[in-house]
Amino acid sequence: MQATKVRIREFLEHLSSYLESKTPVAITRHGATIRIFVPIKPKPSQADLEVFRIAGERVQELIAAAGTTEDEVLEDFKRLRRERRMSKS
């Protein structure tokens, strides 16, 4: 993938858009590349966000159907995690 070349001033002025970009950016000073910004975590797509929203709703339904609360689920999770750590020691 080819990097987009931008002057350092342009990079700083439009930093937020470059941070959301999926394309590497070669930052130049006086025409020479001084840094390359490589994005590592792409922004989730609308489809991904929708899947997470549906999954969250389903988890809420399961918690309610079990007659418990989010706090109780969280405490169980913490307890199980502590027990797992203790068994590894």
C-alpha atoms as a PDB file:
ATOM      1  CA  MET A   1       0.000   0.000   0.000  1.00  0.00           C
ATOM      2  CA  GLN A   2       1.438   3.340  -1.045  1.00  0.00           C
ATOM      3  CA  ALA A   3       1.658   6.161   1.498  1.00  0.00           C
ATOM      4  CA  THR A   4       0.106   9.567   0.978  1.00  0.00           C
ATOM      5  CA  LYS A   5       2.803  12.290   1.142  1.00  0.00           C
ATOM      6  CA  VAL A   6       1.946  15.423   3.127  1.00  0.00           C
ATOM      7  CA  ARG A   7       3.933  18.301   4.554  1.00  0.00           C
ATOM      8  CA  ILE A   8       4.247  18.364   8.322  1.00  0.00           C
ATOM      9  CA  ARG A   9       2.113  21.526   8.539  1.00  0.00           C
ATOM     10  CA  GLU A  10      -0.718  19.909   6.562  1.00  0.00           C
ATOM     11  CA  PHE A  11      -0.472  16.771   8.686  1.00  0.00           C
ATOM     12  CA  LEU A  12      -0.823  18.793  11.895  1.00  0.00           C
ATOM     13  CA  GLU A  13      -3.647  20.947  10.511  1.00  0.00           C
ATOM     14  CA  HIS A  14      -5.666  17.893   9.450  1.00  0.00           C
ATOM     15  CA  LEU A  15      -4.514  15.503  12.163  1.00  0.00           C
ATOM     16  CA  SER A  16      -7.965  14.185  13.044  1.00  0.00           C
ATOM     17  CA  SER A  17      -8.700  13.125   9.467  1.00  0.00           C
ATOM     18  CA  TYR A  18      -5.302  11.414   9.162  1.00  0.00           C
ATOM     19  CA  LEU A  19      -5.881   9.582  12.452  1.00  0.00           C
ATOM     20  CA  GLU A  20      -9.077   8.105  11.012  1.00  0.00           C
ATOM     21  CA  SER A  21      -7.469   7.218   7.691  1.00  0.00           C
ATOM     22  CA  LYS A  22      -6.637   3.621   6.768  1.00  0.00           C
ATOM     23  CA  THR A  23      -3.821   4.759   4.462  1.00  0.00           C
ATOM     24  CA  PRO A  24      -0.221   5.255   5.639  1.00  0.00           C
ATOM     25  CA  VAL A  25       0.964   8.868   5.567  1.00  0.00           C
ATOM     26  CA  ALA A  26       4.526   9.935   4.747  1.00  0.00           C
ATOM     27  CA  ILE A  27       5.195  13.199   6.581  1.00  0.00           C
ATOM     28  CA  THR A  28       7.685  15.450   4.834  1.00  0.00           C
ATOM     29  CA  ARG A  29       9.790  18.473   5.760  1.00  0.00           C
ATOM     30  CA  HIS A  30      11.407  20.449   2.942  1.00  0.00           C
ATOM     31  CA  GLY A  31      10.508  17.592   0.569  1.00  0.00           C
ATOM     32  CA  ALA A  32      12.229  14.856   2.577  1.00  0.00           C
ATOM     33  CA  THR A  33      10.255  12.166   4.387  1.00  0.00           C
ATOM     34  CA  ILE A  34      10.875  12.475   8.122  1.00  0.00           C
ATOM     35  CA  ARG A  35       8.207  10.134   9.509  1.00  0.00           C
ATOM     36  CA  ILE A  36       5.679   7.613   8.321  1.00  0.00           C
ATOM     37  CA  PHE A  37       2.373   7.338  10.134  1.00  0.00           C
ATOM     38  CA  VAL A  38       0.910   3.830   9.813  1.00  0.00           C
ATOM     39  CA  PRO A  39      -2.619   3.364  11.137  1.00  0.00           C
ATOM     40  CA  ILE A  40      -2.963   0.083  13.019  1.00  0.00           C
ATOM     41  CA  LYS A  41      -6.589  -0.030  14.078  1.00  0.00           C
ATOM     42  CA  PRO A  42      -9.209   0.698  11.447  1.00  0.00           C
ATOM     43  CA  LYS A  43     -12.439   2.353  12.448  1.00  0.00           C
ATOM     44  CA  PRO A  44     -15.216  -0.248  12.797  1.00  0.00           C
ATOM     45  CA  SER A  45     -17.696  -0.358   9.953  1.00  0.00           C
ATOM     46  CA  GLN A  46     -21.391   0.384  10.411  1.00  0.00           C
ATOM     47  CA  ALA A  47     -22.038  -3.350   9.960  1.00  0.00           C
ATOM     48  CA  ASP A  48     -19.605  -4.142  12.811  1.00  0.00           C
ATOM     49  CA  LEU A  49     -21.260  -1.567  15.062  1.00  0.00           C
ATOM     50  CA  GLU A  50     -24.685  -3.007  14.283  1.00  0.00           C
ATOM     51  CA  VAL A  51     -23.494  -6.520  15.159  1.00  0.00           C
ATOM     52  CA  PHE A  52     -22.127  -5.244  18.491  1.00  0.00           C
ATOM     53  CA  ARG A  53     -25.394  -3.405  19.206  1.00  0.00           C
ATOM     54  CA  ILE A  54     -27.460  -6.543  18.535  1.00  0.00           C
ATOM     55  CA  ALA A  55     -25.087  -8.657  20.639  1.00  0.00           C
ATOM     56  CA  GLY A  56     -25.373  -6.171  23.509  1.00  0.00           C
ATOM     57  CA  GLU A  57     -29.166  -6.286  23.355  1.00  0.00           C
ATOM     58  CA  ARG A  58     -29.086 -10.097  23.366  1.00  0.00           C
ATOM     59  CA  VAL A  59     -26.792 -10.137  26.409  1.00  0.00           C
ATOM     60  CA  GLN A  60     -29.197  -7.783  28.206  1.00  0.00           C
ATOM     61  CA  GLU A  61     -32.079 -10.153  27.393  1.00  0.00           C
ATOM     62  CA  LEU A  62     -30.135 -13.167  28.696  1.00  0.00           C
ATOM     63  CA  ILE A  63     -29.223 -11.370  31.924  1.00  0.00           C
ATOM     64  CA  ALA A  64     -32.854 -10.377  32.480  1.00  0.00           C
ATOM     65  CA  ALA A  65     -34.090 -13.914  31.668  1.00  0.00           C
ATOM     66  CA  ALA A  66     -31.655 -15.334  34.225  1.00  0.00           C
ATOM     67  CA  GLY A  67     -33.133 -13.047  36.876  1.00  0.00           C
ATOM     68  CA  THR A  68     -29.803 -11.443  37.687  1.00  0.00           C
ATOM     69  CA  THR A  69     -28.188  -8.037  37.297  1.00  0.00           C
ATOM     70  CA  GLU A  70     -25.172  -6.722  35.406  1.00  0.00           C
ATOM     71  CA  ASP A  71     -23.447  -6.111  38.746  1.00  0.00           C
ATOM     72  CA  GLU A  72     -23.906  -9.761  39.753  1.00  0.00           C
ATOM     73  CA  VAL A  73     -22.538 -10.947  36.409  1.00  0.00           C
ATOM     74  CA  LEU A  74     -19.548  -8.630  36.812  1.00  0.00           C
ATOM     75  CA  GLU A  75     -18.866  -9.885  40.347  1.00  0.00           C
ATOM     76  CA  ASP A  76     -19.042 -13.511  39.138  1.00  0.00           C
ATOM     77  CA  PHE A  77     -16.602 -12.675  36.355  1.00  0.00           C
ATOM     78  CA  LYS A  78     -14.173 -11.041  38.795  1.00  0.00           C
ATOM     79  CA  ARG A  79     -14.442 -13.979  41.200  1.00  0.00           C
ATOM     80  CA  LEU A  80     -13.789 -16.526  38.440  1.00  0.00           C
ATOM     81  CA  ARG A  81     -10.846 -14.506  37.160  1.00  0.00           C
ATOM     82  CA  ARG A  82      -9.326 -14.346  40.668  1.00  0.00           C
ATOM     83  CA  GLU A  83      -9.808 -18.104  41.088  1.00  0.00           C
ATOM     84  CA  ARG A  84      -8.152 -18.753  37.731  1.00  0.00           C
ATOM     85  CA  ARG A  85      -5.167 -16.589  38.642  1.00  0.00           C
ATOM     86  CA  MET A  86      -4.823 -18.358  41.987  1.00  0.00           C
ATOM     87  CA  SER A  87      -4.870 -21.792  40.343  1.00  0.00           C
ATOM     88  CA  LYS A  88      -2.038 -20.760  37.978  1.00  0.00           C
ATOM     89  CA  SER A  89       0.203 -19.738  40.891  1.00  0.00           C
END
